[in-house]
Amino acid sequence: MTPSLDDASITVTELRGEEAFFGFAEGWRALFRVTPDPTPFQSFEWLAAWRRRRGRGEPILLIANEAGIPIAAMALTQTRYRGAPLRFLRWMGAPDADYHDFVGGRRRDDCAAAFVGHLRQMPGWHVCELGELRPQTLASLASPLSGATQDSAPCAALRLPASRDAFERQAGRKLRSSIRRRAGMLSEAHPDHHFMTVSRVDELPQAMEDLFRLHTARLNKKGYGGAFATESARAFHRDVAAAFFENDMLRMHRLMVGDRCIAVIYCFNLRGVTCYYLGGFDPAFSRYSPGVLIIHHAITAAIEEGGSWFDFMRGGEEYKSRWKAEPRVNGRLLFGRPGLASRVAVAARRFERALWTLWQSRQGGDAESAAAPETQSSNTPSSA
């Protein structure tokens, strides 16, 4: 009897360095295409832009092979931990991505076990943190581990109905009334207001500048720098937006008063799921709730193109429940290699995260939406 491929053992190949990562571009894209539930954050376009503009440390690419054929891949980076002589492994793209995962469609549980087994034997690192894991990926990666710390972070997603009318009924009377009232107030005061969706590449530079300006203005009023506080972050998102536009993955909407942009929403789209990543609005127009209006526009646009979900992604902000978004949970794994140095590093990281969680709770939850060190994205309009 000839053994089936599913009986073949999985081997892991380890590649290191920029040249190796970029050299595997077509292999990564092929695996991304067969991944059963990918997000834009696992696309090569996202990772390549991040590596060029935000990447720190050494890229490490793990490739799971079945009978010599790549069937899954995982992209990590290795850096020094807080400047100490300890090595820290984390996902490539962290902390800017809302979801992390490996790519590939075959034998995913077996590949997860193979990746973890390889990591446990791989020398040179002390603490590994794999965050922003959706439940199925968390279960697959945690299964072969013992003693790993698991914690979670809230997310939310709205299941989209088949029509705009059905969505309006689903939204509920109070939210419908609020949207109509605010839209009416805006129409009365500014009859020249209108929505614009980025549909041409030459519209993209100004739309991105509006995003940077409005997102930063809102968070500066709260005393935070925001997700675009550095030039590297702005350059990264310019690259992402251009690549996603080219691949029909960008959904970017603006609310205009004449020629002035007063609200913007920056979303990604993949396989019928619209992911709301960042947004901003002009505080001078807050009485009209432009955050609510731009989200409403983005949701209805997603429905009209036949979308299945509008994903608000990570963060437990209360406004998401008003849109009837369903709660979800991201998980995190924290583990080390055998040895005293790894135990110390893992303990230090646990303590650091405990302090961070305590600080967030005392900030009323808004600190997470302010692009603090471990959470770079922020999709929370304060008037939403």
Protein backbone atom coordinates (compact mmCIF):
# COMPACT_ATOMS: atom_id res chain seq x y z
CA MET A 1 0.00 0.00 0.00
CA THR A 2 1.39 3.40 -0.98
CA PRO A 3 1.40 5.91 1.93
CA SER A 4 -0.73 9.02 1.34
CA LEU A 5 0.72 12.50 1.50
CA ASP A 6 -1.23 13.04 4.71
CA ASP A 7 0.88 10.30 6.29
CA ALA A 8 4.16 11.95 5.24
CA SER A 9 6.17 13.58 7.99
CA ILE A 10 6.52 17.36 8.00
CA THR A 11 9.97 18.89 8.02
CA VAL A 12 10.76 22.53 8.76
CA THR A 13 13.25 24.61 6.81
CA GLU A 14 14.65 27.73 8.49
CA LEU A 15 15.68 30.75 6.41
CA ARG A 16 17.21 33.92 7.84
CA GLY A 17 17.83 37.43 6.60
CA GLU A 18 16.30 40.01 4.28
CA GLU A 19 17.38 38.28 1.09
CA ALA A 20 15.82 34.99 2.14
CA PHE A 21 12.53 36.62 3.16
CA PHE A 22 12.10 38.67 -0.01
CA GLY A 23 13.33 35.75 -2.10
CA PHE A 24 10.40 33.64 -0.88
CA ALA A 25 7.83 36.21 -2.10
CA GLU A 26 6.15 34.02 -4.70
CA GLY A 27 6.17 31.00 -2.41
CA TRP A 28 4.51 33.07 0.33
CA ARG A 29 1.89 34.42 -2.09
CA ALA A 30 1.07 30.90 -3.25
CA LEU A 31 0.57 29.71 0.33
CA PHE A 32 -1.46 32.82 1.18
CA ARG A 33 -3.86 32.03 -1.68
CA VAL A 34 -4.68 28.59 -0.25
CA THR A 35 -4.91 29.71 3.39
CA PRO A 36 -8.50 28.98 4.45
CA ASP A 37 -9.20 32.16 6.45
CA PRO A 38 -6.44 34.70 5.80
CA THR A 39 -6.42 38.34 6.82
CA PRO A 40 -4.68 41.21 5.01
CA PHE A 41 -1.99 41.13 7.69
CA GLN A 42 -0.69 37.79 6.41
CA SER A 43 -0.34 39.06 2.84
CA PHE A 44 3.15 39.42 1.46
CA GLU A 45 2.31 43.04 0.58
CA TRP A 46 1.70 43.91 4.25
CA LEU A 47 4.75 42.04 5.52
CA ALA A 48 7.08 43.39 2.84
CA ALA A 49 6.01 46.98 3.51
CA TRP A 50 6.44 46.44 7.24
CA ARG A 51 9.87 44.90 6.75
CA ARG A 52 11.04 47.78 4.56
CA ARG A 53 9.70 50.58 6.73
CA ARG A 54 9.27 49.24 10.27
CA GLY A 55 11.32 46.07 10.42
CA ARG A 56 13.72 45.63 13.28
CA GLY A 57 15.93 42.69 14.08
CA GLU A 58 16.60 39.60 12.01
CA PRO A 59 13.88 38.09 9.78
CA ILE A 60 13.36 34.36 10.36
CA LEU A 61 11.23 32.38 7.94
CA LEU A 62 10.07 28.88 8.90
CA ILE A 63 8.75 26.74 6.03
CA ALA A 64 6.87 23.49 6.67
CA ASN A 65 7.45 20.92 3.93
CA GLU A 66 5.49 17.79 3.07
CA ALA A 67 7.41 15.38 0.84
CA GLY A 68 9.74 18.27 0.03
CA ILE A 69 6.93 20.64 -1.01
CA PRO A 70 6.21 23.81 1.05
CA ILE A 71 2.74 23.64 2.56
CA ALA A 72 2.96 26.37 5.25
CA ALA A 73 5.19 29.25 6.29
CA MET A 74 5.66 31.41 9.38
CA ALA A 75 7.44 34.79 9.43
CA LEU A 76 9.13 35.95 12.65
CA THR A 77 11.70 38.50 13.75
CA GLN A 78 14.37 38.18 16.41
CA THR A 79 15.48 41.23 18.37
CA ARG A 80 17.16 42.08 21.64
CA TYR A 81 14.73 42.24 24.53
CA ARG A 82 14.63 45.83 25.84
CA GLY A 83 18.32 46.25 25.09
CA ALA A 84 19.28 43.35 27.36
CA PRO A 85 21.49 40.47 26.16
CA LEU A 86 18.35 38.37 25.68
CA ARG A 87 16.75 37.45 22.36
CA PHE A 88 13.06 38.05 21.72
CA LEU A 89 11.03 36.24 19.01
CA ARG A 90 7.75 37.62 17.76
CA TRP A 91 5.64 37.72 14.62
CA MET A 92 6.89 39.77 11.71
CA GLY A 93 4.59 42.77 11.57
CA ALA A 94 4.03 43.04 15.33
CA PRO A 95 2.72 45.18 16.91
CA ASP A 96 1.11 46.88 13.89
CA ALA A 97 -1.08 43.95 12.79
CA ASP A 98 -4.41 43.15 14.43
CA TYR A 99 -4.20 39.45 13.57
CA HIS A 100 -1.25 37.11 13.12
CA ASP A 101 -1.07 33.64 11.64
CA PHE A 102 1.02 31.37 9.49
CA VAL A 103 0.00 30.79 5.87
CA GLY A 104 -0.89 27.51 4.18
CA GLY A 105 -3.95 25.36 3.67
CA ARG A 106 -2.88 21.74 4.30
CA ARG A 107 -2.52 19.94 7.64
CA ARG A 108 -2.56 23.14 9.63
CA ASP A 109 -2.52 21.49 13.06
CA ASP A 110 0.40 19.30 12.03
CA CYS A 111 2.24 22.33 10.64
CA ALA A 112 1.63 24.28 13.87
CA ALA A 113 3.10 21.42 15.90
CA ALA A 114 6.08 21.23 13.55
CA PHE A 115 6.71 24.96 13.84
CA VAL A 116 6.57 24.89 17.64
CA GLY A 117 8.80 21.82 17.77
CA HIS A 118 11.36 23.56 15.59
CA LEU A 119 11.26 26.70 17.72
CA ARG A 120 11.79 24.76 20.94
CA GLN A 121 14.95 23.25 19.49
CA MET A 122 16.20 26.38 17.72
CA PRO A 123 19.10 27.94 19.66
CA GLY A 124 19.80 31.60 20.29
CA TRP A 125 16.52 32.97 21.67
CA HIS A 126 15.08 33.30 25.18
CA VAL A 127 11.43 34.45 25.01
CA CYS A 128 8.87 33.96 22.24
CA GLU A 129 5.64 35.93 22.15
CA LEU A 130 3.03 35.03 19.54
CA GLY A 131 0.22 37.53 19.94
CA GLU A 132 -3.04 38.46 18.22
CA LEU A 133 -4.01 34.84 17.52
CA ARG A 134 -7.53 33.93 16.50
CA PRO A 135 -8.96 31.01 18.51
CA GLN A 136 -8.25 28.21 16.04
CA THR A 137 -4.64 29.31 15.51
CA LEU A 138 -4.17 29.73 19.26
CA ALA A 139 -5.39 26.18 19.86
CA SER A 140 -3.14 24.75 17.15
CA LEU A 141 0.01 26.48 18.38
CA ALA A 142 -0.73 25.94 22.08
CA SER A 143 -1.43 22.23 21.74
CA PRO A 144 2.21 21.07 21.68
CA LEU A 145 3.29 23.56 24.37
CA SER A 146 3.27 23.06 28.11
CA GLY A 147 3.63 25.92 30.53
CA ALA A 148 2.94 28.63 27.95
CA THR A 149 1.15 31.72 29.16
CA GLN A 150 -2.14 32.34 27.37
CA ASP A 151 -4.06 35.58 27.65
CA SER A 152 -6.62 37.27 25.48
CA ALA A 153 -7.77 40.58 24.03
CA PRO A 154 -11.27 41.53 22.89
CA CYS A 155 -12.22 42.02 19.25
CA ALA A 156 -15.56 42.49 17.50
CA ALA A 157 -17.05 41.88 14.06
CA LEU A 158 -20.41 42.65 12.48
CA ARG A 159 -22.10 40.00 10.35
CA LEU A 160 -23.45 41.82 7.31
CA PRO A 161 -27.01 41.20 6.09
CA ALA A 162 -27.87 40.87 2.43
CA SER A 163 -29.20 44.39 1.94
CA ARG A 164 -28.88 47.92 3.23
CA ASP A 165 -32.53 47.90 4.33
CA ALA A 166 -31.93 44.76 6.37
CA PHE A 167 -28.92 46.41 8.00
CA GLU A 168 -30.94 49.49 8.93
CA ARG A 169 -33.51 47.25 10.62
CA GLN A 170 -30.75 45.27 12.33
CA ALA A 171 -29.04 48.41 13.64
CA GLY A 172 -31.94 49.23 15.93
CA ARG A 173 -34.16 52.26 16.37
CA LYS A 174 -31.86 54.27 18.63
CA LEU A 175 -28.82 54.05 16.34
CA ARG A 176 -30.93 54.70 13.21
CA SER A 177 -32.42 57.76 14.84
CA SER A 178 -29.00 59.07 15.87
CA ILE A 179 -27.57 58.61 12.38
CA ARG A 180 -30.52 60.35 10.72
CA ARG A 181 -30.45 63.23 13.20
CA ARG A 182 -26.70 63.84 12.83
CA ALA A 183 -26.85 63.49 9.04
CA GLY A 184 -29.74 65.97 8.97
CA MET A 185 -27.84 68.45 11.11
CA LEU A 186 -24.82 68.17 8.82
CA SER A 187 -26.98 68.61 5.70
CA GLU A 188 -28.62 71.70 7.11
CA ALA A 189 -25.35 73.33 8.16
CA HIS A 190 -23.24 72.12 5.24
CA PRO A 191 -25.39 71.19 2.24
CA ASP A 192 -22.25 70.64 0.18
CA HIS A 193 -21.10 67.66 2.24
CA HIS A 194 -20.54 64.36 0.44
CA PHE A 195 -18.73 61.04 0.72
CA MET A 196 -15.75 60.13 -1.44
CA THR A 197 -14.25 56.67 -1.90
CA VAL A 198 -10.70 56.33 -3.17
CA SER A 199 -11.18 54.89 -6.64
CA ARG A 200 -8.12 56.21 -8.49
CA VAL A 201 -4.50 55.90 -7.53
CA ASP A 202 -3.95 59.66 -7.88
CA GLU A 203 -6.51 60.22 -5.08
CA LEU A 204 -4.52 58.14 -2.64
CA PRO A 205 -1.77 60.60 -1.53
CA GLN A 206 -4.26 63.26 -0.39
CA ALA A 207 -6.50 60.67 1.26
CA MET A 208 -3.54 59.36 3.26
CA GLU A 209 -2.54 62.87 4.32
CA ASP A 210 -6.12 63.46 5.48
CA LEU A 211 -5.95 60.22 7.47
CA PHE A 212 -2.67 61.18 9.13
CA ARG A 213 -3.94 64.68 9.96
CA LEU A 214 -7.36 63.74 11.33
CA HIS A 215 -6.26 60.65 13.26
CA THR A 216 -3.41 62.59 14.86
CA ALA A 217 -5.55 65.64 15.67
CA ARG A 218 -8.09 63.55 17.55
CA LEU A 219 -5.54 61.68 19.60
CA ASN A 220 -3.39 64.74 20.29
CA LYS A 221 -6.42 66.25 22.02
CA LYS A 222 -6.36 63.21 24.31
CA GLY A 223 -2.65 63.57 24.98
CA TYR A 224 -1.49 60.70 22.75
CA GLY A 225 0.71 60.67 19.67
CA GLY A 226 -1.40 58.28 17.62
CA ALA A 227 -0.48 55.55 15.18
CA PHE A 228 1.18 57.96 12.72
CA ALA A 229 3.48 59.77 15.13
CA THR A 230 6.64 58.66 13.32
CA GLU A 231 7.72 59.02 9.71
CA SER A 232 8.39 55.28 9.55
CA ALA A 233 4.73 54.60 10.41
CA ARG A 234 3.48 57.06 7.81
CA ALA A 235 5.80 55.64 5.13
CA PHE A 236 4.71 52.11 6.01
CA HIS A 237 1.03 52.91 5.56
CA ARG A 238 1.64 54.80 2.33
CA ASP A 239 3.28 51.64 1.00
CA VAL A 240 0.50 49.39 2.33
CA ALA A 241 -2.27 51.59 0.92
CA ALA A 242 -0.61 51.68 -2.53
CA ALA A 243 -0.06 47.90 -2.60
CA PHE A 244 -3.57 47.13 -1.33
CA PHE A 245 -5.10 49.55 -3.84
CA GLU A 246 -3.29 47.75 -6.64
CA ASN A 247 -4.62 44.40 -5.37
CA ASP A 248 -8.19 45.68 -4.78
CA MET A 249 -7.79 45.27 -1.01
CA LEU A 250 -8.08 48.94 0.00
CA ARG A 251 -11.41 50.45 1.08
CA MET A 252 -10.87 54.09 2.02
CA HIS A 253 -13.74 56.53 2.47
CA ARG A 254 -13.78 60.24 3.27
CA LEU A 255 -16.54 62.59 4.42
CA MET A 256 -16.09 65.97 2.76
CA VAL A 257 -17.50 69.43 3.43
CA GLY A 258 -16.78 71.14 0.16
CA ASP A 259 -13.09 70.51 -0.42
CA ARG A 260 -12.38 69.89 3.27
CA CYS A 261 -12.13 66.34 4.62
CA ILE A 262 -13.74 66.09 8.04
CA ALA A 263 -13.65 62.31 8.54
CA VAL A 264 -11.82 59.35 7.03
CA ILE A 265 -11.91 55.60 7.48
CA TYR A 266 -9.06 53.33 6.40
CA CYS A 267 -10.19 49.75 5.76
CA PHE A 268 -8.87 46.63 4.08
CA ASN A 269 -10.94 44.05 2.23
CA LEU A 270 -10.25 40.40 1.60
CA ARG A 271 -12.65 37.65 0.55
CA GLY A 272 -15.74 39.60 1.53
CA VAL A 273 -14.43 40.76 4.93
CA THR A 274 -13.87 44.48 5.42
CA CYS A 275 -11.35 45.18 8.20
CA TYR A 276 -11.61 48.60 9.84
CA TYR A 277 -8.03 49.46 10.73
CA LEU A 278 -7.85 53.20 11.45
CA GLY A 279 -9.91 56.33 11.28
CA GLY A 280 -10.07 59.95 12.27
CA PHE A 281 -12.25 63.02 12.18
CA ASP A 282 -12.02 66.76 12.61
CA PRO A 283 -12.82 67.66 16.25
CA ALA A 284 -14.31 70.94 15.04
CA PHE A 285 -17.19 68.95 13.52
CA SER A 286 -17.77 66.60 16.46
CA ARG A 287 -21.36 67.85 17.01
CA TYR A 288 -22.30 66.04 13.80
CA SER A 289 -20.77 62.73 14.92
CA PRO A 290 -18.67 62.33 11.78
CA GLY A 291 -17.17 59.13 13.21
CA VAL A 292 -20.62 57.54 13.26
CA LEU A 293 -21.45 58.78 9.78
CA ILE A 294 -18.24 57.54 8.18
CA ILE A 295 -18.55 54.10 9.80
CA HIS A 296 -22.15 53.86 8.65
CA HIS A 297 -21.07 54.74 5.12
CA ALA A 298 -18.26 52.15 5.17
CA ILE A 299 -20.61 49.41 6.42
CA THR A 300 -23.25 50.12 3.80
CA ALA A 301 -20.58 50.22 1.09
CA ALA A 302 -19.40 46.77 2.24
CA ILE A 303 -22.97 45.47 2.07
CA GLU A 304 -23.49 46.87 -1.41
CA GLU A 305 -20.45 45.01 -2.71
CA GLY A 306 -21.75 41.75 -1.24
CA GLY A 307 -19.53 41.57 1.84
CA SER A 308 -20.08 39.06 4.62
CA TRP A 309 -18.40 40.74 7.63
CA PHE A 310 -17.34 44.18 8.81
CA ASP A 311 -14.52 43.48 11.25
CA PHE A 312 -13.89 46.15 13.90
CA MET A 313 -10.87 44.07 14.95
CA ARG A 314 -9.04 44.37 18.26
CA GLY A 315 -10.06 46.57 21.13
CA GLY A 316 -12.96 46.33 23.56
CA GLU A 317 -14.41 49.79 22.97
CA GLU A 318 -18.05 50.11 23.93
CA TYR A 319 -19.12 51.80 20.70
CA LYS A 320 -18.69 48.53 18.77
CA SER A 321 -21.58 46.91 20.59
CA ARG A 322 -23.88 49.73 19.47
CA TRP A 323 -23.36 48.53 15.91
CA LYS A 324 -24.40 45.02 17.03
CA ALA A 325 -20.88 43.70 16.45
CA GLU A 326 -20.31 40.21 17.82
CA PRO A 327 -17.57 39.88 20.45
CA ARG A 328 -14.51 37.82 19.58
CA VAL A 329 -11.23 37.12 21.33
CA ASN A 330 -7.60 37.24 20.26
CA GLY A 331 -5.15 35.06 22.16
CA ARG A 332 -1.46 35.30 22.98
CA LEU A 333 1.22 32.69 23.69
CA LEU A 334 4.31 33.46 25.75
CA PHE A 335 6.94 30.79 26.26
CA GLY A 336 10.68 30.25 26.45
CA ARG A 337 13.38 27.70 25.86
CA PRO A 338 14.75 25.51 28.63
CA GLY A 339 17.20 27.35 30.88
CA LEU A 340 17.44 30.05 33.54
CA ALA A 341 17.85 32.98 31.14
CA SER A 342 14.63 32.09 29.33
CA ARG A 343 12.72 31.68 32.58
CA VAL A 344 13.87 35.14 33.71
CA ALA A 345 12.97 36.69 30.35
CA VAL A 346 9.50 35.11 30.31
CA ALA A 347 8.84 36.23 33.89
CA ALA A 348 9.93 39.78 33.03
CA ARG A 349 7.63 39.84 30.03
CA ARG A 350 4.70 38.54 32.07
CA PHE A 351 5.28 41.28 34.64
CA GLU A 352 5.56 43.93 31.95
CA ARG A 353 2.29 42.83 30.36
CA ALA A 354 0.54 42.76 33.75
CA LEU A 355 1.59 46.37 34.37
CA TRP A 356 0.44 47.33 30.88
CA THR A 357 -2.97 45.72 31.43
CA LEU A 358 -3.34 47.53 34.76
CA TRP A 359 -2.45 50.86 33.16
CA GLN A 360 -4.97 50.29 30.37
CA SER A 361 -7.74 49.54 32.85
CA ARG A 362 -7.01 52.74 34.76
CA GLN A 363 -7.15 54.74 31.53
CA GLY A 364 -10.69 53.56 30.98
CA GLY A 365 -9.79 51.41 27.99
CA ASP A 366 -8.95 54.35 25.73
CA ALA A 367 -5.21 53.89 26.11
CA GLU A 368 -5.32 50.88 23.83
CA SER A 369 -6.96 52.93 21.12
CA ALA A 370 -4.26 55.56 21.46
CA ALA A 371 -1.54 53.56 19.73
CA ALA A 372 0.41 52.76 22.84
CA PRO A 373 3.57 50.63 22.58
CA GLU A 374 1.96 47.22 22.28
CA THR A 375 -1.06 48.26 20.23
CA GLN A 376 -0.30 50.42 17.26
CA SER A 377 -3.62 50.38 15.46
CA SER A 378 -6.54 52.47 16.63
CA ASN A 379 -9.96 52.43 15.07
CA THR A 380 -11.93 54.22 17.73
CA PRO A 381 -13.70 57.44 16.71
CA SER A 382 -14.62 59.10 19.99
CA SER A 383 -17.97 60.11 18.60
CA ALA A 384 -18.81 56.59 17.40
